[in-house]
Amino acid sequence: MNPIRLLLAAALLPAALLATGCAAATGCDFREGSANGPEPRCQERTMLQASGFGAVCEGLGGTAVDGGCPSEGIVGGCTTDAGTGTITDWYYDPITEAEIQETCVNDGSTYEAAPG
């Protein structure tokens, strides 16, 4: 393939993926189970990070959730900018806000207050 066409195709790929619905969020709810047993968290991925995440989630023992994680009962979360979208681990009771903030600091991520 012509190098200029290759560069053009690479430049247009993100826009094409966004236009086809890859901008949506996908959640992976671990509250009912995971490879480590039930966990009070749901991981949410956006944009290109969401593409194909549902199958990965189910492989980890979680429940894939189209549109992102359930907001009811969220205490807070930790967000990482992956460059091609965001990855947010949302935490639910019994984890406290202080524990979530500490997790974010330890992971090098940004604390997010509960939506709403």
N, C-alpha and C. Protein backbone atom coordinates (compact mmCIF):
# COMPACT_ATOMS: atom_id res chain seq x y z
N MET A 1 0.84 -1.18 0.00
CA MET A 1 0.00 0.00 0.00
C MET A 1 0.88 1.24 0.00
N ASN A 2 0.44 2.25 -0.68
CA ASN A 2 1.12 3.53 -0.75
C ASN A 2 1.29 4.09 0.67
N PRO A 3 2.52 4.54 1.06
CA PRO A 3 2.74 5.05 2.42
C PRO A 3 1.82 6.21 2.79
N ILE A 4 1.50 7.08 1.85
CA ILE A 4 0.61 8.20 2.15
C ILE A 4 -0.80 7.69 2.44
N ARG A 5 -1.25 6.72 1.67
CA ARG A 5 -2.58 6.15 1.92
C ARG A 5 -2.61 5.44 3.27
N LEU A 6 -1.52 4.77 3.61
CA LEU A 6 -1.44 4.08 4.90
C LEU A 6 -1.54 5.09 6.05
N LEU A 7 -0.80 6.19 5.94
CA LEU A 7 -0.87 7.22 6.98
C LEU A 7 -2.26 7.83 7.07
N LEU A 8 -2.89 8.08 5.92
CA LEU A 8 -4.23 8.64 5.90
C LEU A 8 -5.22 7.68 6.54
N ALA A 9 -5.10 6.40 6.22
CA ALA A 9 -6.00 5.40 6.80
C ALA A 9 -5.82 5.34 8.32
N ALA A 10 -4.58 5.39 8.78
CA ALA A 10 -4.32 5.36 10.22
C ALA A 10 -4.87 6.60 10.91
N ALA A 11 -4.79 7.74 10.24
CA ALA A 11 -5.31 8.98 10.83
C ALA A 11 -6.82 8.98 10.90
N LEU A 12 -7.48 8.37 9.93
CA LEU A 12 -8.95 8.38 9.89
C LEU A 12 -9.58 7.26 10.70
N LEU A 13 -8.82 6.24 11.06
CA LEU A 13 -9.38 5.11 11.80
C LEU A 13 -10.07 5.51 13.09
N PRO A 14 -9.47 6.32 13.96
CA PRO A 14 -10.18 6.68 15.20
C PRO A 14 -11.52 7.36 14.94
N ALA A 15 -11.57 8.26 13.96
CA ALA A 15 -12.83 8.94 13.65
C ALA A 15 -13.86 7.95 13.13
N ALA A 16 -13.42 7.01 12.32
CA ALA A 16 -14.35 6.01 11.79
C ALA A 16 -14.89 5.13 12.90
N LEU A 17 -14.04 4.75 13.82
CA LEU A 17 -14.49 3.91 14.93
C LEU A 17 -15.46 4.66 15.82
N LEU A 18 -15.21 5.94 16.06
CA LEU A 18 -16.12 6.73 16.87
C LEU A 18 -17.47 6.85 16.18
N ALA A 19 -17.47 7.00 14.89
CA ALA A 19 -18.71 7.16 14.14
C ALA A 19 -19.53 5.88 14.12
N THR A 20 -18.89 4.74 14.33
CA THR A 20 -19.60 3.47 14.30
C THR A 20 -20.02 2.99 15.67
N GLY A 21 -19.90 3.83 16.68
CA GLY A 21 -20.42 3.47 17.99
C GLY A 21 -19.39 3.03 19.00
N CYS A 22 -18.12 3.11 18.67
CA CYS A 22 -17.10 2.69 19.62
C CYS A 22 -16.90 3.70 20.74
N ALA A 23 -17.61 4.84 20.68
CA ALA A 23 -17.47 5.84 21.73
C ALA A 23 -18.29 5.47 22.96
N ALA A 24 -19.14 4.48 22.85
CA ALA A 24 -19.98 4.07 23.97
C ALA A 24 -19.14 3.47 25.08
N ALA A 25 -19.74 3.39 26.24
CA ALA A 25 -19.07 2.79 27.39
C ALA A 25 -19.52 1.34 27.55
N THR A 26 -18.61 0.53 28.04
CA THR A 26 -18.92 -0.85 28.39
C THR A 26 -18.45 -1.07 29.83
N GLY A 27 -19.29 -1.67 30.63
CA GLY A 27 -18.93 -1.96 32.02
C GLY A 27 -18.69 -3.44 32.22
N CYS A 28 -17.94 -3.74 33.24
CA CYS A 28 -17.71 -5.13 33.66
C CYS A 28 -17.99 -5.18 35.16
N ASP A 29 -19.15 -5.70 35.50
CA ASP A 29 -19.62 -5.73 36.88
C ASP A 29 -19.10 -6.99 37.57
N PHE A 30 -18.29 -6.79 38.60
CA PHE A 30 -17.70 -7.90 39.34
C PHE A 30 -18.42 -8.18 40.66
N ARG A 31 -19.56 -7.52 40.90
CA ARG A 31 -20.24 -7.69 42.18
C ARG A 31 -20.81 -9.10 42.37
N GLU A 32 -21.19 -9.75 41.29
CA GLU A 32 -21.73 -11.12 41.40
C GLU A 32 -20.64 -12.17 41.31
N GLY A 33 -19.48 -11.79 40.78
CA GLY A 33 -18.40 -12.76 40.66
C GLY A 33 -17.30 -12.26 39.74
N SER A 34 -16.13 -12.84 39.93
CA SER A 34 -14.97 -12.56 39.09
C SER A 34 -14.03 -13.74 39.25
N ALA A 35 -12.89 -13.68 38.60
CA ALA A 35 -11.89 -14.74 38.76
C ALA A 35 -11.44 -14.84 40.21
N ASN A 36 -11.58 -13.74 40.97
CA ASN A 36 -11.18 -13.70 42.39
C ASN A 36 -12.37 -13.82 43.33
N GLY A 37 -13.55 -14.13 42.80
CA GLY A 37 -14.76 -14.14 43.61
C GLY A 37 -15.43 -12.78 43.52
N PRO A 38 -16.58 -12.60 44.18
CA PRO A 38 -17.29 -11.32 44.11
C PRO A 38 -16.44 -10.16 44.64
N GLU A 39 -16.51 -9.02 43.95
CA GLU A 39 -15.81 -7.80 44.35
C GLU A 39 -16.79 -6.65 44.28
N PRO A 40 -16.70 -5.68 45.18
CA PRO A 40 -17.64 -4.54 45.15
C PRO A 40 -17.21 -3.47 44.16
N ARG A 41 -17.00 -3.85 42.90
CA ARG A 41 -16.57 -2.88 41.90
C ARG A 41 -17.06 -3.27 40.52
N CYS A 42 -17.05 -2.27 39.65
CA CYS A 42 -17.41 -2.43 38.25
C CYS A 42 -16.42 -1.58 37.46
N GLN A 43 -15.76 -2.19 36.47
CA GLN A 43 -14.82 -1.43 35.65
C GLN A 43 -15.53 -0.95 34.39
N GLU A 44 -15.39 0.34 34.10
CA GLU A 44 -16.05 0.95 32.94
C GLU A 44 -15.00 1.48 31.99
N ARG A 45 -15.15 1.13 30.70
CA ARG A 45 -14.22 1.60 29.67
C ARG A 45 -14.98 2.37 28.61
N THR A 46 -14.36 3.45 28.13
CA THR A 46 -15.00 4.29 27.12
C THR A 46 -14.17 4.33 25.84
N MET A 47 -14.81 4.80 24.78
CA MET A 47 -14.20 4.98 23.47
C MET A 47 -13.56 3.69 22.99
N LEU A 48 -12.35 3.74 22.48
CA LEU A 48 -11.72 2.54 21.93
C LEU A 48 -11.46 1.49 23.00
N GLN A 49 -11.32 1.92 24.26
CA GLN A 49 -11.11 0.96 25.35
C GLN A 49 -12.33 0.05 25.52
N ALA A 50 -13.52 0.52 25.11
CA ALA A 50 -14.75 -0.26 25.26
C ALA A 50 -14.89 -1.34 24.20
N SER A 51 -14.23 -1.16 23.07
CA SER A 51 -14.36 -2.08 21.95
C SER A 51 -13.87 -3.48 22.33
N GLY A 52 -14.76 -4.43 22.28
CA GLY A 52 -14.42 -5.82 22.58
C GLY A 52 -14.26 -6.13 24.06
N PHE A 53 -14.51 -5.16 24.92
CA PHE A 53 -14.29 -5.36 26.36
C PHE A 53 -15.30 -6.33 26.97
N GLY A 54 -16.50 -6.41 26.41
CA GLY A 54 -17.51 -7.31 26.96
C GLY A 54 -17.05 -8.76 27.00
N ALA A 55 -16.42 -9.22 25.94
CA ALA A 55 -15.94 -10.61 25.89
C ALA A 55 -14.81 -10.82 26.88
N VAL A 56 -13.94 -9.83 27.00
CA VAL A 56 -12.84 -9.92 27.98
C VAL A 56 -13.42 -10.00 29.38
N CYS A 57 -14.42 -9.17 29.66
CA CYS A 57 -15.08 -9.13 30.96
C CYS A 57 -15.63 -10.49 31.34
N GLU A 58 -16.37 -11.08 30.43
CA GLU A 58 -16.97 -12.38 30.71
C GLU A 58 -15.91 -13.45 30.92
N GLY A 59 -14.78 -13.32 30.22
CA GLY A 59 -13.67 -14.24 30.42
C GLY A 59 -13.06 -14.12 31.81
N LEU A 60 -13.22 -12.95 32.42
CA LEU A 60 -12.71 -12.71 33.78
C LEU A 60 -13.74 -13.07 34.86
N GLY A 61 -14.91 -13.56 34.42
CA GLY A 61 -15.95 -13.95 35.37
C GLY A 61 -16.90 -12.84 35.74
N GLY A 62 -16.79 -11.68 35.09
CA GLY A 62 -17.69 -10.56 35.36
C GLY A 62 -18.90 -10.60 34.46
N THR A 63 -19.78 -9.63 34.64
CA THR A 63 -20.97 -9.48 33.82
C THR A 63 -20.83 -8.23 32.97
N ALA A 64 -20.83 -8.39 31.64
CA ALA A 64 -20.70 -7.25 30.74
C ALA A 64 -21.97 -6.41 30.79
N VAL A 65 -21.80 -5.08 30.81
CA VAL A 65 -22.93 -4.15 30.90
C VAL A 65 -22.78 -3.11 29.79
N ASP A 66 -23.66 -3.16 28.79
CA ASP A 66 -23.65 -2.15 27.74
C ASP A 66 -24.04 -0.79 28.33
N GLY A 67 -23.36 0.25 27.91
CA GLY A 67 -23.68 1.60 28.39
C GLY A 67 -22.93 2.00 29.64
N GLY A 68 -22.12 1.12 30.19
CA GLY A 68 -21.34 1.46 31.38
C GLY A 68 -21.86 0.80 32.64
N CYS A 69 -21.22 1.10 33.74
CA CYS A 69 -21.56 0.50 35.03
C CYS A 69 -22.84 1.09 35.61
N PRO A 70 -23.58 0.28 36.37
CA PRO A 70 -24.77 0.80 37.06
C PRO A 70 -24.36 1.89 38.05
N SER A 71 -25.05 3.03 38.02
CA SER A 71 -24.67 4.14 38.90
C SER A 71 -25.25 4.03 40.30
N GLU A 72 -26.32 3.28 40.45
CA GLU A 72 -26.95 3.15 41.76
C GLU A 72 -26.01 2.47 42.75
N GLY A 73 -25.77 3.14 43.86
CA GLY A 73 -24.96 2.56 44.92
C GLY A 73 -23.46 2.83 44.81
N ILE A 74 -23.03 3.57 43.78
CA ILE A 74 -21.60 3.88 43.65
C ILE A 74 -21.16 4.80 44.79
N VAL A 75 -20.03 4.46 45.41
CA VAL A 75 -19.45 5.29 46.46
C VAL A 75 -18.44 6.26 45.85
N GLY A 76 -17.70 5.81 44.85
CA GLY A 76 -16.69 6.63 44.17
C GLY A 76 -15.90 5.76 43.23
N GLY A 77 -14.93 6.36 42.53
CA GLY A 77 -14.16 5.58 41.57
C GLY A 77 -12.79 6.15 41.32
N CYS A 78 -12.00 5.41 40.56
CA CYS A 78 -10.65 5.81 40.16
C CYS A 78 -10.58 5.74 38.63
N THR A 79 -10.16 6.85 38.01
CA THR A 79 -10.12 6.93 36.55
C THR A 79 -8.70 7.09 36.05
N THR A 80 -8.41 6.36 34.96
CA THR A 80 -7.14 6.46 34.26
C THR A 80 -7.42 6.83 32.82
N ASP A 81 -6.68 7.79 32.30
CA ASP A 81 -6.79 8.14 30.88
C ASP A 81 -5.85 7.22 30.12
N ALA A 82 -6.43 6.35 29.29
CA ALA A 82 -5.63 5.38 28.55
C ALA A 82 -5.21 5.90 27.18
N GLY A 83 -5.49 7.16 26.89
CA GLY A 83 -5.12 7.73 25.60
C GLY A 83 -6.13 7.44 24.50
N THR A 84 -6.75 6.28 24.55
CA THR A 84 -7.76 5.89 23.56
C THR A 84 -9.11 5.74 24.25
N GLY A 85 -9.26 6.40 25.37
CA GLY A 85 -10.47 6.31 26.18
C GLY A 85 -10.09 6.27 27.64
N THR A 86 -11.09 6.18 28.49
CA THR A 86 -10.83 6.13 29.93
C THR A 86 -11.19 4.76 30.50
N ILE A 87 -10.54 4.45 31.61
CA ILE A 87 -10.83 3.24 32.37
C ILE A 87 -11.14 3.71 33.79
N THR A 88 -12.36 3.42 34.25
CA THR A 88 -12.77 3.82 35.60
C THR A 88 -13.21 2.59 36.37
N ASP A 89 -12.61 2.40 37.53
CA ASP A 89 -13.08 1.37 38.47
C ASP A 89 -14.01 2.07 39.43
N TRP A 90 -15.32 1.74 39.34
CA TRP A 90 -16.32 2.27 40.26
C TRP A 90 -16.48 1.29 41.41
N TYR A 91 -16.53 1.82 42.64
CA TYR A 91 -16.63 0.98 43.84
C TYR A 91 -17.96 1.19 44.53
N TYR A 92 -18.46 0.12 45.12
CA TYR A 92 -19.75 0.09 45.81
C TYR A 92 -19.53 -0.31 47.27
N ASP A 93 -20.57 -0.13 48.10
CA ASP A 93 -20.49 -0.59 49.49
C ASP A 93 -20.04 -2.04 49.52
N PRO A 94 -19.23 -2.43 50.48
CA PRO A 94 -18.89 -1.77 51.74
C PRO A 94 -17.62 -0.92 51.68
N ILE A 95 -17.03 -0.70 50.51
CA ILE A 95 -15.82 0.11 50.41
C ILE A 95 -16.17 1.57 50.72
N THR A 96 -15.31 2.22 51.49
CA THR A 96 -15.57 3.61 51.87
C THR A 96 -14.90 4.58 50.90
N GLU A 97 -15.33 5.82 50.93
CA GLU A 97 -14.74 6.85 50.08
C GLU A 97 -13.25 7.02 50.39
N ALA A 98 -12.88 6.96 51.66
CA ALA A 98 -11.47 7.09 52.04
C ALA A 98 -10.64 5.94 51.46
N GLU A 99 -11.18 4.73 51.48
CA GLU A 99 -10.46 3.58 50.91
C GLU A 99 -10.30 3.73 49.40
N ILE A 100 -11.32 4.27 48.75
CA ILE A 100 -11.25 4.48 47.30
C ILE A 100 -10.19 5.53 46.98
N GLN A 101 -10.19 6.62 47.72
CA GLN A 101 -9.19 7.68 47.49
C GLN A 101 -7.78 7.14 47.67
N GLU A 102 -7.57 6.30 48.66
CA GLU A 102 -6.25 5.69 48.88
C GLU A 102 -5.89 4.77 47.71
N THR A 103 -6.85 4.00 47.22
CA THR A 103 -6.62 3.12 46.07
C THR A 103 -6.20 3.94 44.86
N CYS A 104 -6.88 5.06 44.62
CA CYS A 104 -6.55 5.93 43.48
C CYS A 104 -5.12 6.45 43.59
N VAL A 105 -4.74 6.90 44.77
CA VAL A 105 -3.37 7.40 44.98
C VAL A 105 -2.36 6.29 44.71
N ASN A 106 -2.62 5.10 45.24
CA ASN A 106 -1.70 3.98 45.06
C ASN A 106 -1.60 3.53 43.60
N ASP A 107 -2.69 3.67 42.84
CA ASP A 107 -2.73 3.26 41.44
C ASP A 107 -2.26 4.37 40.49
N GLY A 108 -2.09 5.58 41.01
CA GLY A 108 -1.73 6.70 40.16
C GLY A 108 -2.89 7.18 39.29
N SER A 109 -4.11 6.92 39.75
CA SER A 109 -5.30 7.33 39.00
C SER A 109 -5.96 8.52 39.70
N THR A 110 -7.02 9.03 39.09
CA THR A 110 -7.72 10.20 39.60
C THR A 110 -9.01 9.80 40.28
N TYR A 111 -9.22 10.31 41.49
CA TYR A 111 -10.45 10.02 42.22
C TYR A 111 -11.65 10.68 41.53
N GLU A 112 -12.75 9.94 41.44
CA GLU A 112 -14.01 10.45 40.89
C GLU A 112 -15.10 10.28 41.94
N ALA A 113 -15.81 11.36 42.25
CA ALA A 113 -16.94 11.26 43.17
C ALA A 113 -18.06 10.47 42.52
N ALA A 114 -18.93 9.93 43.33
CA ALA A 114 -20.09 9.18 42.82
C ALA A 114 -20.91 10.08 41.91
N PRO A 115 -21.37 9.56 40.76
CA PRO A 115 -22.19 10.39 39.87
C PRO A 115 -23.53 10.73 40.52
N GLY A 116 -24.04 11.86 40.13
CA GLY A 116 -25.39 12.21 40.58
C GLY A 116 -25.41 13.36 41.46
